Amino acid sequence: MLEDLGTTLLELVCGNAEGQQQIETVIIHDSLDEAIPSHGALVLGVGMSETEEIVELLATLATQDAAGLVLRAPVSAAPAIIRASEESGIPVLALTRGASWAQLTSMLRSLIAEGDVGESGLGGMPAGDLFSLVNAISTLLNAPVTIEDRNSRVVAFSGKQDEADPARVETILGRQVPQRYLRQLEQRGVFRELYRSTDPIQVAAVDVDAHVASYPRVALAVRAGDEILGSIWVSVREPMPEDRIGALKDAAKLVALHMLRIRAGADVERRLRADLLATLLEGGTGAADAASRLRLTGHRCVVLALAAADSEEDEEGGAARARLLTARQRIADALSMHLGAVYPRSAAALIGNIVYGVVCVRADQADADRRAARVAKEFLARTGGDRRLLLGIGTIAEDHAALPTSRVSADRALRVLQLGRSHAQLVIFDDVQVESLLVELGDLAAARGDRPSGPVARLLEYDRARNAHLVETLRAWLDAFGDIGVASALVYTHPNTFRYRLRRLSAIGEIDLNDPEARFAAMIQLRLLS
C-alpha cells in the first residue's frame, strides 16, 4: 500500500510496515459506536489526536488483528504511542494534510479490489482480457455476444458478428449502441427491467428501418454486489435453452470479476496520477517527490487547464452528474494520450472540474508556451470541434517549484474564456494578462459591494430614467479612441446626433473628456460593467 500510494497520501509514523499483513477492508473508527470487528482492517481514526485515546485503540486493535491505524497529520510521535505500536504490532500512519478521508478510502478500496480480483488470471484467462472471455461465452452459447458498460458502450465483442443483424454491426463499428436504438429500448423499459432482474431477460427486436428489424436479444446485467457494472447482450434467432441460460448466468459472474479488475487498475492509476499532479501543482513539501514520480524533474514545464464552458454549472440529478464526470474523465484520458504522443515527459489528470496537463519542454525553446498551444489546438480539433471546450495555457515554469505559478496563470487564462472575455477557444496567459486583471478587479469590486461612481454612475442613472443611450455613446467614443465617424458607426447613429449626445453626456456626467485620468477611470468602470 505504501509503495503504491507513496508519501503523497500516507506517511509511516511508527511501527513495522514491512510485514506481509493482508489488508482486507477499510473501516472508520467511531468511539461512540460499538467496536467493529477489524480483522485485517486498516482503521481510520478520524478526529483522534489524544495520546491516551490512541494508545487505548492500538491495544484494542491488537486483539482483533487489525492491519494498521491511520490518523490525520500531524501525528504526535509520543513515546507512549511508539511503545504501544511496537507492543501491539499495529503500524501508525499519518494522512497528509489537504487529503480527504473520502479520497483515501476510495483509493484504498480500489487497491483492495485489485488484490481481490488477482493478478494471475480469472477463469483460466489473463485478468481483464474481456475479448478472450466474450469469445469463450460466444462459443458456449453458439451466438454473437457483446459486453457493454452502463452507458451502452461496447467494451468487448465476440466473433460471429457477421451472423448478427445490421443493428449489431452498426453497434460494433461505432463501439456504442446508436441513439435511435437506445431510445426504443428506453421507451420499452428494457433497461429498467434489465437492472432489476437477476436473470436474463428477453428483448424483442428493434426496428432498424422501415423494412428491416433486428434479431431478438437475451440480456443480463453484470453485477458486483449491488453495483451494476454493465451488461451482456446475446443476439439470438430463437429462444435460448435453459442450459445456456444457466451458462450465461455463470459467465456473468466471471465477467464481473474481469470488469472489476480492469476498473480497479484504471481507478488506482488515475487517482494516483491525479493526486500526484495535484500535489505538484499546489507545491509544498511533497511536490519534489510527486515531480520525481511523474518524471517531470529537471525540465522547463508549462501547465494547461482545460474545462467545458459550463463546467461550473451543476447538472440536476445523480445520473446527470455521473455522466458529466465520465465525460470529463474521458477528456482527461484523451488529453493524457495526446500529450504523451508529442511530449515524452508529460502528465494529465482530472482535478476537481478541470483537466490539468503539464508538459516538459526543451530549455532552448523560448516560445515553449506557444508550442504547447499548437499541440493543444490539435487536440481540440481532434475532439470533434466541440466549441464548449476551453483551454488556458500558463506561464513557463523553469523547474517544478514554479509549477504552482504556472497553474495559477493557466486558471486565470481559462477563466477569461469561461466569462466570455475572449471569443477564442484557447488562449495563452501572456496574451490575456490585462483582461485577467480586469476579471479579478471585477471580482474584488463585487466582493466588496462596490458600485459605479462619479460620471459613470450619473450617466447610468440618467439612462435608466430617460433611455438616452449616453453610456452606450461614451463606451463607443472611448472604444473608437475619440474618432466620431467610427464611434457613431458602432452605435448606428448619425455623426451629428452622436456629437450632440457626446456634449450631453459631458454636461450630465460632469466629465472632462480631455482629461486622460477621467477617460481612464470611465473606461475601467465601463469594462467592469460589461
Protein backbone atom coordinates (compact mmCIF):
# COMPACT_ATOMS: atom_id res chain seq x y z
CA MET A 1 0.00 0.00 0.00
CA LEU A 2 2.76 2.44 0.93
CA GLU A 3 4.60 1.53 -2.26
CA ASP A 4 1.54 2.29 -4.38
CA LEU A 5 0.45 5.46 -2.62
CA GLY A 6 3.89 6.68 -1.56
CA THR A 7 4.27 9.62 0.78
CA THR A 8 1.83 11.68 -1.25
CA LEU A 9 -1.09 10.48 0.87
CA LEU A 10 0.36 8.42 3.72
CA GLU A 11 3.47 8.54 5.84
CA LEU A 12 4.65 5.93 8.31
CA VAL A 13 4.85 7.42 11.81
CA CYS A 14 5.90 4.38 13.84
CA GLY A 15 5.71 0.60 13.80
CA ASN A 16 6.79 -2.08 11.36
CA ALA A 17 5.09 -1.69 7.97
CA GLU A 18 7.31 -4.13 6.07
CA GLY A 19 5.47 -7.32 7.02
CA GLN A 20 3.04 -9.23 4.84
CA GLN A 21 -0.17 -8.29 6.66
CA GLN A 22 -3.05 -8.51 4.20
CA ILE A 23 -5.40 -5.51 4.18
CA GLU A 24 -8.88 -6.96 3.74
CA THR A 25 -11.05 -3.92 4.34
CA VAL A 26 -11.12 -0.28 5.45
CA ILE A 27 -13.18 0.81 8.44
CA ILE A 28 -13.74 4.12 10.23
CA HIS A 29 -13.33 4.08 14.00
CA ASP A 30 -16.07 5.81 15.97
CA SER A 31 -15.57 5.96 19.74
CA LEU A 32 -19.32 6.36 20.25
CA ASP A 33 -20.20 3.13 18.46
CA GLU A 34 -19.60 -0.43 19.48
CA ALA A 35 -16.31 -1.84 18.28
CA ILE A 36 -16.46 -3.11 14.69
CA PRO A 37 -14.62 -6.39 14.03
CA SER A 38 -11.41 -5.23 12.39
CA HIS A 39 -9.54 -8.39 11.38
CA GLY A 40 -7.24 -7.43 8.53
CA ALA A 41 -8.69 -3.91 8.52
CA LEU A 42 -6.91 -0.62 8.01
CA VAL A 43 -8.63 1.53 10.65
CA LEU A 44 -9.16 5.25 10.02
CA GLY A 45 -9.02 7.17 13.29
CA VAL A 46 -10.99 10.19 12.16
CA GLY A 47 -10.77 13.05 14.66
CA MET A 48 -8.37 11.25 17.03
CA SER A 49 -5.50 13.27 18.47
CA GLU A 50 -5.23 12.50 22.22
CA THR A 51 -2.31 10.22 23.12
CA GLU A 52 -4.27 8.19 25.69
CA GLU A 53 -7.10 7.57 23.23
CA ILE A 54 -4.70 6.41 20.53
CA VAL A 55 -2.82 4.08 22.90
CA GLU A 56 -6.10 2.52 24.06
CA LEU A 57 -7.28 1.99 20.48
CA LEU A 58 -3.97 0.33 19.48
CA ALA A 59 -4.38 -2.15 22.31
CA THR A 60 -7.92 -2.94 21.15
CA LEU A 61 -6.86 -3.34 17.52
CA ALA A 62 -4.11 -5.74 18.52
CA THR A 63 -6.68 -8.17 19.94
CA GLN A 64 -8.59 -8.03 16.65
CA ASP A 65 -5.53 -8.48 14.40
CA ALA A 66 -6.01 -5.20 12.54
CA ALA A 67 -3.60 -4.24 9.77
CA GLY A 68 -2.87 -0.64 10.78
CA LEU A 69 -4.14 2.68 12.11
CA VAL A 70 -4.31 5.90 10.09
CA LEU A 71 -4.51 9.30 11.82
CA ARG A 72 -4.67 12.83 10.45
CA ALA A 73 -1.27 14.56 10.19
CA PRO A 74 0.49 15.91 12.13
CA VAL A 75 0.65 12.88 14.40
CA SER A 76 2.49 13.19 17.68
CA ALA A 77 5.21 10.53 17.88
CA ALA A 78 4.91 10.43 21.64
CA PRO A 79 6.91 7.67 23.41
CA ALA A 80 3.66 6.11 24.65
CA ILE A 81 2.31 5.83 21.08
CA ILE A 82 5.57 4.39 19.74
CA ARG A 83 5.67 1.84 22.58
CA ALA A 84 2.01 0.87 22.07
CA SER A 85 2.59 0.45 18.32
CA GLU A 86 5.59 -1.80 18.89
CA GLU A 87 3.84 -3.89 21.53
CA SER A 88 0.65 -4.29 19.50
CA GLY A 89 2.38 -4.77 16.17
CA ILE A 90 -0.01 -2.19 14.66
CA PRO A 91 1.78 0.41 12.49
CA VAL A 92 0.58 4.01 12.79
CA LEU A 93 0.36 6.09 9.63
CA ALA A 94 -0.43 9.76 9.01
CA LEU A 95 -2.80 11.08 6.33
CA THR A 96 -1.25 14.10 4.63
CA ARG A 97 -2.82 17.48 5.26
CA GLY A 98 -5.13 18.55 2.46
CA ALA A 99 -6.04 14.99 1.50
CA SER A 100 -9.57 13.92 2.38
CA TRP A 101 -10.60 10.77 4.21
CA ALA A 102 -13.03 10.04 1.37
CA GLN A 103 -10.21 10.21 -1.17
CA LEU A 104 -8.05 7.87 0.89
CA THR A 105 -10.92 5.43 1.42
CA SER A 106 -11.71 5.33 -2.29
CA MET A 107 -8.11 4.71 -3.30
CA LEU A 108 -7.62 2.02 -0.65
CA ARG A 109 -10.78 0.19 -1.67
CA SER A 110 -9.63 0.27 -5.29
CA LEU A 111 -6.32 -1.26 -4.25
CA ILE A 112 -8.14 -3.93 -2.23
CA ALA A 113 -10.46 -4.68 -5.15
CA GLU A 114 -7.45 -5.02 -7.41
CA GLY A 115 -5.95 -7.52 -4.99
CA ASP A 116 -9.21 -9.42 -4.62
CA VAL A 117 -9.56 -9.89 -8.34
CA GLY A 118 -5.97 -11.06 -8.56
CA GLU A 119 -3.05 -10.80 -10.88
CA SER A 120 -2.74 -14.37 -12.10
CA GLY A 121 -5.83 -14.60 -14.24
CA LEU A 122 -9.52 -15.31 -13.88
CA GLY A 123 -11.23 -18.43 -15.09
CA GLY A 124 -8.00 -19.55 -16.74
CA MET A 125 -7.70 -16.33 -18.76
CA PRO A 126 -5.46 -13.29 -18.30
CA ALA A 127 -7.03 -10.89 -15.80
CA GLY A 128 -9.01 -8.21 -17.57
CA ASP A 129 -8.93 -9.88 -21.02
CA LEU A 130 -12.60 -9.36 -21.86
CA PHE A 131 -12.16 -10.23 -25.53
CA SER A 132 -10.94 -13.74 -24.74
CA LEU A 133 -13.76 -14.12 -22.25
CA VAL A 134 -16.50 -12.88 -24.58
CA ASN A 135 -15.31 -15.27 -27.30
CA ALA A 136 -15.47 -18.13 -24.81
CA ILE A 137 -19.04 -17.12 -23.87
CA SER A 138 -19.95 -16.92 -27.56
CA THR A 139 -18.65 -20.47 -28.07
CA LEU A 140 -20.70 -21.74 -25.12
CA LEU A 141 -23.87 -20.05 -26.33
CA ASN A 142 -23.24 -20.52 -30.07
CA ALA A 143 -24.27 -16.89 -30.70
CA PRO A 144 -22.60 -13.49 -31.17
CA VAL A 145 -22.12 -11.68 -27.86
CA THR A 146 -21.22 -8.16 -26.73
CA ILE A 147 -20.31 -6.80 -23.30
CA GLU A 148 -21.40 -3.21 -22.71
CA ASP A 149 -20.86 -0.74 -19.89
CA ARG A 150 -23.60 1.21 -18.11
CA ASN A 151 -23.63 3.82 -20.88
CA SER A 152 -24.19 1.17 -23.58
CA ARG A 153 -20.64 1.50 -24.88
CA VAL A 154 -19.21 -1.75 -26.25
CA VAL A 155 -16.21 -2.81 -24.17
CA ALA A 156 -15.75 -6.23 -25.81
CA PHE A 157 -17.36 -8.26 -28.58
CA SER A 158 -17.04 -11.82 -29.82
CA GLY A 159 -16.59 -13.30 -33.24
CA LYS A 160 -19.56 -14.42 -35.34
CA GLN A 161 -20.83 -10.84 -35.55
CA ASP A 162 -21.32 -11.40 -39.29
CA GLU A 163 -24.18 -13.72 -38.26
CA ALA A 164 -25.90 -10.86 -36.44
CA ASP A 165 -28.17 -8.15 -37.82
CA PRO A 166 -27.44 -4.62 -39.16
CA ALA A 167 -28.16 -3.08 -35.74
CA ARG A 168 -25.41 -5.19 -34.14
CA VAL A 169 -22.96 -4.45 -36.96
CA GLU A 170 -23.55 -0.70 -36.56
CA THR A 171 -23.09 -1.02 -32.80
CA ILE A 172 -19.77 -2.84 -33.21
CA LEU A 173 -18.43 -0.37 -35.76
CA GLY A 174 -19.34 2.61 -33.57
CA ARG A 175 -18.43 0.83 -30.29
CA GLN A 176 -21.65 2.35 -28.97
CA VAL A 177 -25.33 1.41 -29.24
CA PRO A 178 -26.80 4.03 -31.64
CA GLN A 179 -29.11 6.57 -30.07
CA ARG A 180 -32.12 5.62 -32.16
CA TYR A 181 -31.92 2.05 -30.82
CA LEU A 182 -31.33 3.24 -27.27
CA ARG A 183 -34.47 5.38 -27.45
CA GLN A 184 -36.53 2.34 -28.47
CA LEU A 185 -35.12 0.28 -25.62
CA GLU A 186 -35.67 3.06 -23.07
CA GLN A 187 -39.26 3.62 -24.22
CA ARG A 188 -39.99 -0.07 -23.73
CA GLY A 189 -38.48 0.00 -20.24
CA VAL A 190 -35.86 -2.59 -21.19
CA PHE A 191 -33.08 -1.09 -19.06
CA ARG A 192 -35.36 -0.74 -16.05
CA GLU A 193 -36.25 -4.42 -16.31
CA LEU A 194 -32.66 -5.43 -17.03
CA TYR A 195 -31.23 -3.73 -13.94
CA ARG A 196 -34.00 -5.02 -11.67
CA SER A 197 -33.70 -8.64 -12.71
CA THR A 198 -31.04 -11.11 -11.65
CA ASP A 199 -32.00 -13.41 -14.52
CA PRO A 200 -31.55 -12.93 -18.27
CA ILE A 201 -34.39 -11.03 -19.93
CA GLN A 202 -35.81 -11.43 -23.42
CA VAL A 203 -35.58 -8.28 -25.57
CA ALA A 204 -37.75 -8.03 -28.65
CA ALA A 205 -36.26 -6.91 -31.95
CA VAL A 206 -35.72 -3.20 -32.56
CA ASP A 207 -36.63 -1.53 -35.84
CA VAL A 208 -33.53 -0.92 -37.92
CA ASP A 209 -35.50 0.89 -40.63
CA ALA A 210 -38.95 0.78 -42.15
CA HIS A 211 -38.41 -2.66 -43.68
CA VAL A 212 -35.79 -4.40 -41.52
CA ALA A 213 -35.87 -5.44 -37.86
CA SER A 214 -33.04 -6.77 -35.76
CA TYR A 215 -32.91 -10.21 -34.20
CA PRO A 216 -34.17 -10.56 -30.63
CA ARG A 217 -31.66 -10.33 -27.79
CA VAL A 218 -31.10 -12.01 -24.46
CA ALA A 219 -29.59 -9.55 -21.99
CA LEU A 220 -28.22 -9.97 -18.49
CA ALA A 221 -26.91 -7.33 -16.09
CA VAL A 222 -23.35 -7.75 -14.81
CA ARG A 223 -23.23 -7.11 -11.07
CA ALA A 224 -20.65 -6.79 -8.31
CA GLY A 225 -22.80 -6.99 -5.20
CA ASP A 226 -25.44 -4.29 -5.56
CA GLU A 227 -23.48 -2.35 -8.17
CA ILE A 228 -24.30 -2.60 -11.87
CA LEU A 229 -21.08 -2.81 -13.87
CA GLY A 230 -22.60 -3.32 -17.30
CA SER A 231 -24.48 -5.95 -19.27
CA ILE A 232 -24.09 -8.92 -21.64
CA TRP A 233 -26.13 -8.97 -24.88
CA VAL A 234 -26.61 -12.14 -26.91
CA SER A 235 -28.09 -11.99 -30.40
CA VAL A 236 -30.47 -14.93 -30.84
CA ARG A 237 -32.87 -16.11 -33.52
CA GLU A 238 -34.83 -18.46 -31.28
CA PRO A 239 -35.48 -18.83 -27.54
CA MET A 240 -32.38 -19.75 -25.53
CA PRO A 241 -32.46 -23.20 -23.87
CA GLU A 242 -32.32 -23.44 -20.07
CA ASP A 243 -28.83 -24.93 -20.02
CA ARG A 244 -27.46 -21.99 -21.99
CA ILE A 245 -29.28 -19.53 -19.74
CA GLY A 246 -27.50 -21.16 -16.80
CA ALA A 247 -24.17 -20.88 -18.63
CA LEU A 248 -24.85 -17.20 -19.30
CA LYS A 249 -25.57 -16.53 -15.61
CA ASP A 250 -22.36 -18.31 -14.61
CA ALA A 251 -20.41 -16.37 -17.22
CA ALA A 252 -21.76 -13.05 -15.89
CA LYS A 253 -20.01 -13.68 -12.57
CA LEU A 254 -16.70 -14.11 -14.35
CA VAL A 255 -17.32 -11.01 -16.50
CA ALA A 256 -17.91 -9.04 -13.29
CA LEU A 257 -14.53 -10.10 -11.92
CA HIS A 258 -12.76 -9.14 -15.14
CA MET A 259 -14.52 -5.75 -15.26
CA LEU A 260 -13.63 -5.13 -11.61
CA ARG A 261 -10.02 -5.97 -12.39
CA ILE A 262 -9.93 -3.52 -15.28
CA ARG A 263 -11.69 -0.79 -13.32
CA ALA A 264 -9.59 -1.28 -10.21
CA GLY A 265 -6.35 -0.96 -12.12
CA ALA A 266 -7.57 2.07 -14.05
CA ASP A 267 -9.03 3.74 -10.96
CA VAL A 268 -5.86 3.31 -8.92
CA GLU A 269 -3.69 4.63 -11.74
CA ARG A 270 -5.97 7.61 -12.42
CA ARG A 271 -6.38 8.55 -8.79
CA LEU A 272 -2.72 8.19 -8.02
CA ARG A 273 -1.79 10.26 -11.07
CA ALA A 274 -4.37 12.91 -10.16
CA ASP A 275 -3.14 13.04 -6.57
CA LEU A 276 0.50 13.32 -7.63
CA LEU A 277 -0.33 16.03 -10.15
CA ALA A 278 -2.44 17.95 -7.61
CA THR A 279 0.42 17.79 -5.10
CA LEU A 280 2.85 19.03 -7.73
CA LEU A 281 0.64 21.92 -8.83
CA GLU A 282 -0.09 23.00 -5.26
CA GLY A 283 3.59 22.96 -4.26
CA GLY A 284 4.84 22.28 -0.76
CA THR A 285 6.87 19.52 0.84
CA GLY A 286 5.53 16.68 -1.29
CA ALA A 287 5.98 18.44 -4.64
CA ALA A 288 9.54 17.25 -5.26
CA ASP A 289 8.58 13.61 -4.68
CA ALA A 290 5.49 13.99 -6.89
CA ALA A 291 7.60 15.54 -9.69
CA SER A 292 10.08 12.68 -9.44
CA ARG A 293 7.36 10.02 -9.63
CA LEU A 294 5.80 11.75 -12.63
CA ARG A 295 9.25 12.09 -14.26
CA LEU A 296 8.94 15.86 -14.53
CA THR A 297 12.06 16.92 -12.63
CA GLY A 298 14.87 18.94 -14.14
CA HIS A 299 12.83 20.38 -17.01
CA ARG A 300 11.06 23.58 -18.00
CA CYS A 301 7.33 22.96 -17.97
CA VAL A 302 4.03 24.55 -18.98
CA VAL A 303 0.64 23.96 -17.34
CA LEU A 304 -2.57 23.59 -19.36
CA ALA A 305 -6.05 23.98 -17.85
CA LEU A 306 -9.00 22.53 -19.80
CA ALA A 307 -12.69 22.74 -18.96
CA ALA A 308 -16.08 22.96 -20.63
CA ALA A 309 -17.76 26.34 -20.90
CA ASP A 310 -20.48 25.19 -18.49
CA SER A 311 -18.15 23.31 -16.11
CA GLU A 312 -19.19 25.43 -13.14
CA GLU A 313 -22.86 24.57 -13.57
CA ASP A 314 -24.14 21.57 -11.65
CA GLU A 315 -26.49 19.33 -13.55
CA GLU A 316 -29.51 18.14 -11.66
CA GLY A 317 -29.73 14.51 -10.61
CA GLY A 318 -27.11 11.95 -9.66
CA ALA A 319 -27.22 10.23 -13.06
CA ALA A 320 -26.57 13.52 -14.88
CA ARG A 321 -23.65 14.34 -12.61
CA ALA A 322 -22.24 10.84 -13.15
CA ARG A 323 -22.44 11.30 -16.93
CA LEU A 324 -20.71 14.67 -16.62
CA LEU A 325 -17.91 13.16 -14.52
CA THR A 326 -17.50 10.31 -17.00
CA ALA A 327 -17.28 12.78 -19.89
CA ARG A 328 -14.64 14.83 -18.07
CA GLN A 329 -12.62 11.71 -17.30
CA ARG A 330 -12.72 10.68 -20.96
CA ILE A 331 -11.39 14.12 -21.92
CA ALA A 332 -8.62 13.79 -19.32
CA ASP A 333 -7.62 10.36 -20.67
CA ALA A 334 -7.67 11.65 -24.23
CA LEU A 335 -5.53 14.69 -23.34
CA SER A 336 -3.06 12.47 -21.48
CA MET A 337 -2.67 10.22 -24.53
CA HIS A 338 -2.39 13.17 -26.92
CA LEU A 339 0.26 14.96 -24.87
CA GLY A 340 2.18 11.75 -24.29
CA ALA A 341 2.48 11.21 -28.04
CA VAL A 342 4.15 14.62 -28.51
CA TYR A 343 5.88 15.24 -25.18
CA PRO A 344 7.53 12.10 -23.69
CA ARG A 345 7.55 13.81 -20.30
CA SER A 346 4.03 14.95 -19.60
CA ALA A 347 1.11 14.26 -17.29
CA ALA A 348 -2.61 15.00 -17.34
CA ALA A 349 -5.40 14.31 -14.88
CA LEU A 350 -8.85 15.45 -13.83
CA ILE A 351 -8.60 17.55 -10.64
CA GLY A 352 -11.96 18.83 -9.46
CA ASN A 353 -13.84 20.05 -12.54
CA ILE A 354 -10.72 20.96 -14.51
CA VAL A 355 -8.40 18.76 -16.57
CA TYR A 356 -4.81 19.83 -15.96
CA GLY A 357 -1.88 18.93 -18.14
CA VAL A 358 1.84 19.50 -17.60
CA VAL A 359 4.30 19.26 -20.48
CA CYS A 360 8.08 19.46 -20.25
CA VAL A 361 9.83 21.43 -22.97
CA ARG A 362 13.42 21.86 -24.06
CA ALA A 363 15.49 24.54 -22.37
CA ASP A 364 16.31 26.17 -25.72
CA GLN A 365 12.64 26.73 -26.65
CA ALA A 366 11.93 30.38 -25.91
CA ASP A 367 8.34 30.08 -27.17
CA ALA A 368 7.52 26.91 -25.24
CA ASP A 369 4.05 28.14 -24.29
CA ARG A 370 3.19 28.76 -27.95
CA ARG A 371 4.49 25.35 -28.96
CA ALA A 372 2.29 23.84 -26.27
CA ALA A 373 -0.59 25.92 -27.62
CA ARG A 374 -0.18 24.42 -31.09
CA VAL A 375 -0.31 20.90 -29.66
CA ALA A 376 -3.36 21.84 -27.58
CA LYS A 377 -5.10 23.28 -30.66
CA GLU A 378 -4.56 19.99 -32.45
CA PHE A 379 -6.15 18.20 -29.50
CA LEU A 380 -9.20 20.48 -29.54
CA ALA A 381 -9.55 19.94 -33.28
CA ARG A 382 -9.48 16.16 -32.80
CA THR A 383 -12.21 16.19 -30.16
CA GLY A 384 -14.78 16.79 -32.86
CA GLY A 385 -14.74 20.57 -32.79
CA ASP A 386 -16.64 20.87 -29.52
CA ARG A 387 -16.64 24.65 -29.02
CA ARG A 388 -17.62 24.25 -25.37
CA LEU A 389 -14.13 23.01 -24.55
CA LEU A 390 -11.92 25.89 -23.43
CA LEU A 391 -8.21 25.75 -22.69
CA GLY A 392 -5.90 28.14 -20.89
CA ILE A 393 -2.09 27.91 -21.07
CA GLY A 394 0.01 29.20 -18.20
CA THR A 395 3.42 30.79 -17.99
CA ILE A 396 6.65 28.84 -18.46
CA ALA A 397 7.97 27.26 -15.24
CA GLU A 398 11.76 26.96 -15.15
CA ASP A 399 11.52 23.98 -12.78
CA HIS A 400 8.88 22.01 -10.86
CA ALA A 401 8.97 24.52 -7.98
CA ALA A 402 7.48 27.19 -10.27
CA LEU A 403 4.62 24.97 -11.50
CA PRO A 404 2.09 26.35 -8.94
CA THR A 405 2.60 29.80 -10.50
CA SER A 406 2.10 28.36 -13.99
CA ARG A 407 -1.05 26.60 -12.76
CA VAL A 408 -2.48 29.84 -11.35
CA SER A 409 -1.84 31.66 -14.63
CA ALA A 410 -3.46 28.80 -16.60
CA ASP A 411 -6.52 29.05 -14.33
CA ARG A 412 -6.68 32.81 -14.89
CA ALA A 413 -6.47 32.37 -18.66
CA LEU A 414 -9.21 29.72 -18.55
CA ARG A 415 -11.49 31.99 -16.52
CA VAL A 416 -11.16 34.75 -19.12
CA LEU A 417 -12.53 32.26 -21.65
CA GLN A 418 -15.28 30.97 -19.35
CA LEU A 419 -16.56 34.51 -18.75
CA GLY A 420 -16.68 35.19 -22.49
CA ARG A 421 -13.98 37.89 -22.33
CA SER A 422 -12.37 36.29 -25.37
CA HIS A 423 -14.01 34.68 -28.40
CA ALA A 424 -11.14 32.22 -28.79
CA GLN A 425 -11.24 28.59 -27.67
CA LEU A 426 -7.66 28.62 -26.43
CA VAL A 427 -5.57 31.45 -25.01
CA ILE A 428 -2.07 31.89 -23.58
CA PHE A 429 -1.97 33.78 -20.30
CA ASP A 430 0.58 36.30 -21.55
CA ASP A 431 -1.89 37.31 -24.28
CA VAL A 432 -4.78 37.94 -21.87
CA GLN A 433 -2.98 39.14 -18.76
CA VAL A 434 -4.66 42.56 -18.78
CA GLU A 435 -8.08 41.01 -19.36
CA SER A 436 -7.41 38.64 -16.47
CA LEU A 437 -6.57 41.58 -14.21
CA LEU A 438 -9.87 43.22 -15.16
CA VAL A 439 -11.72 39.98 -14.32
CA GLU A 440 -10.06 39.86 -10.91
CA LEU A 441 -10.75 43.57 -10.36
CA GLY A 442 -14.40 42.90 -11.12
CA ASP A 443 -14.41 40.02 -8.62
CA LEU A 444 -12.87 42.29 -5.98
CA ALA A 445 -15.43 45.04 -6.64
CA ALA A 446 -18.30 42.54 -6.45
CA ALA A 447 -16.96 41.04 -3.21
CA ARG A 448 -16.75 44.48 -1.62
CA GLY A 449 -20.11 45.56 -2.98
CA ASP A 450 -18.58 48.44 -4.95
CA ARG A 451 -20.83 50.15 -7.48
CA PRO A 452 -20.11 52.57 -10.33
CA SER A 453 -19.43 56.08 -9.05
CA GLY A 454 -18.79 59.57 -10.38
CA PRO A 455 -19.62 60.38 -14.02
CA VAL A 456 -20.47 56.77 -14.99
CA ALA A 457 -22.95 56.47 -12.11
CA ARG A 458 -24.65 59.72 -13.10
CA LEU A 459 -24.91 58.62 -16.74
CA LEU A 460 -26.35 55.24 -15.76
CA GLU A 461 -29.00 56.90 -13.63
CA TYR A 462 -29.89 59.33 -16.43
CA ASP A 463 -30.19 56.48 -18.97
CA ARG A 464 -32.42 54.47 -16.65
CA ALA A 465 -34.76 57.43 -16.28
CA ARG A 466 -34.79 58.64 -19.90
CA ASN A 467 -33.33 55.83 -22.08
CA ALA A 468 -30.93 58.38 -23.57
CA HIS A 469 -28.13 55.91 -24.56
CA LEU A 470 -25.45 58.16 -23.07
CA VAL A 471 -23.46 55.27 -21.53
CA GLU A 472 -23.52 53.48 -24.88
CA THR A 473 -22.30 56.69 -26.54
CA LEU A 474 -19.41 57.12 -24.08
CA ARG A 475 -18.37 53.48 -24.47
CA ALA A 476 -18.33 53.76 -28.28
CA TRP A 477 -16.35 57.03 -28.18
CA LEU A 478 -13.72 55.52 -25.87
CA ASP A 479 -13.50 52.32 -27.92
CA ALA A 480 -13.03 54.36 -31.11
CA PHE A 481 -10.30 56.44 -29.47
CA GLY A 482 -12.33 59.62 -29.99
CA ASP A 483 -12.97 59.09 -33.73
CA ILE A 484 -16.53 60.39 -34.22
CA GLY A 485 -17.02 58.64 -37.55
CA VAL A 486 -16.01 55.23 -36.25
CA ALA A 487 -17.81 55.68 -32.92
CA SER A 488 -21.11 56.74 -34.49
CA ALA A 489 -20.98 53.72 -36.82
CA LEU A 490 -20.53 51.41 -33.82
CA VAL A 491 -23.89 52.54 -32.39
CA TYR A 492 -25.61 53.03 -35.78
CA THR A 493 -26.08 56.77 -35.19
CA HIS A 494 -25.56 59.81 -37.45
CA PRO A 495 -22.32 61.66 -36.59
CA ASN A 496 -24.21 64.88 -35.81
CA THR A 497 -26.54 63.02 -33.41
CA PHE A 498 -23.51 61.37 -31.86
CA ARG A 499 -21.80 64.75 -31.30
CA TYR A 500 -24.95 66.07 -29.64
CA ARG A 501 -25.07 63.05 -27.28
CA LEU A 502 -21.39 63.49 -26.52
CA ARG A 503 -21.98 67.09 -25.42
CA ARG A 504 -24.98 65.99 -23.36
CA LEU A 505 -23.05 63.24 -21.56
CA SER A 506 -20.19 65.64 -20.80
CA ALA A 507 -22.62 68.03 -19.15
CA ILE A 508 -24.81 65.47 -17.37
CA GLY A 509 -21.96 63.19 -16.29
CA GLU A 510 -19.76 66.16 -15.36
CA ILE A 511 -16.83 64.53 -17.12
CA ASP A 512 -13.98 66.30 -18.86
CA LEU A 513 -13.26 64.13 -21.91
CA ASN A 514 -9.97 66.00 -22.44
CA ASP A 515 -8.70 64.72 -19.08
CA PRO A 516 -6.81 61.40 -19.55
CA GLU A 517 -7.38 60.40 -15.92
CA ALA A 518 -11.14 60.93 -16.29
CA ARG A 519 -11.19 58.91 -19.52
CA PHE A 520 -9.19 56.07 -17.93
CA ALA A 521 -11.47 55.93 -14.86
CA ALA A 522 -14.58 55.85 -17.04
CA MET A 523 -13.08 53.17 -19.27
CA ILE A 524 -12.26 50.93 -16.31
CA GLN A 525 -15.76 51.23 -14.84
CA LEU A 526 -17.37 50.54 -18.20
CA ARG A 527 -15.20 47.44 -18.72
CA LEU A 528 -16.23 46.15 -15.32
CA LEU A 529 -19.89 46.63 -16.24
CA SER A 530 -19.60 44.55 -19.43
